[in-house]
Amino acid sequence: MRDMMLADKVKQDPGVTRNCDAIWGLGETIEARKAENLQIAKTQIDKIDDLDLASSFKRDFKKGAIESHERNRPGIIRQWDTQKATLPHLHRSCQIIARGQWEAEGELFAFNNQADLSAFSAEMEKIEILNKELAELQKDQKDRLESAQNRLKDVLPPAKK
C-alpha cells in the first residue's frame, strides 16, 4: 500500500495501481484485527482468575481490569475505525494515480493537469488528518497502558522465587 503512494515505486511497478478496488479488502482485515484486539483484552481479563493471588485481591484486580478495559475500549475502536476511514481516500488516490497523468519526481507525483493535482492533494490532506488523529489516539492509548502498568507495579505483591 505504501508503494502506491510513492511515485518512483509506481513508476517502477505500475501494477500496484491496476486494482484499486483491492483496497476495499483491507476493510475486512481491519475489522478482523479490531475484533482480535478487543478479544485479547477480554482473554487477559479472564486469565486473572488463574493467577496465584488472594481471592479478594484477584476480585478487585479483575474489577479494575474490567473497568480499565471499558474505559479504553472506545479508544481502541476509534483507532481501528480511523484506519478504516482512510480507505475511501486511498481508493480515490489510487484511481487518480492509475490514470497515469503524472511524472515521477522522486517519491512525489508531478501531475500533468490541475484537476488531478487538486483531487489528489485533497485526498492526501484527508489522509494526513486521519493519520494525525490516529497518532494521537495511539499515543493516548500508550500513555494509558503505561499508567496502568505503573499502578499495577504499586499494588501487585512481589514475584515468588
Foldseek 3Di string as FASTA:
>chain_A
DVLLQFQVSCVVPVVVLPCLVVLLVVLVVLVVVLVVVLVVLVVVLVCLVVDPDDPVVSVVVSVVSVVLSVVCSVLSVLLSVLVVVLSVLSSVLSVLVNVVQFHHDGRDTHGNDDVSVVSNVVSVVSNVVSVVVNVVSVVVSVVSVVVVVVVCVVPDDDDDD
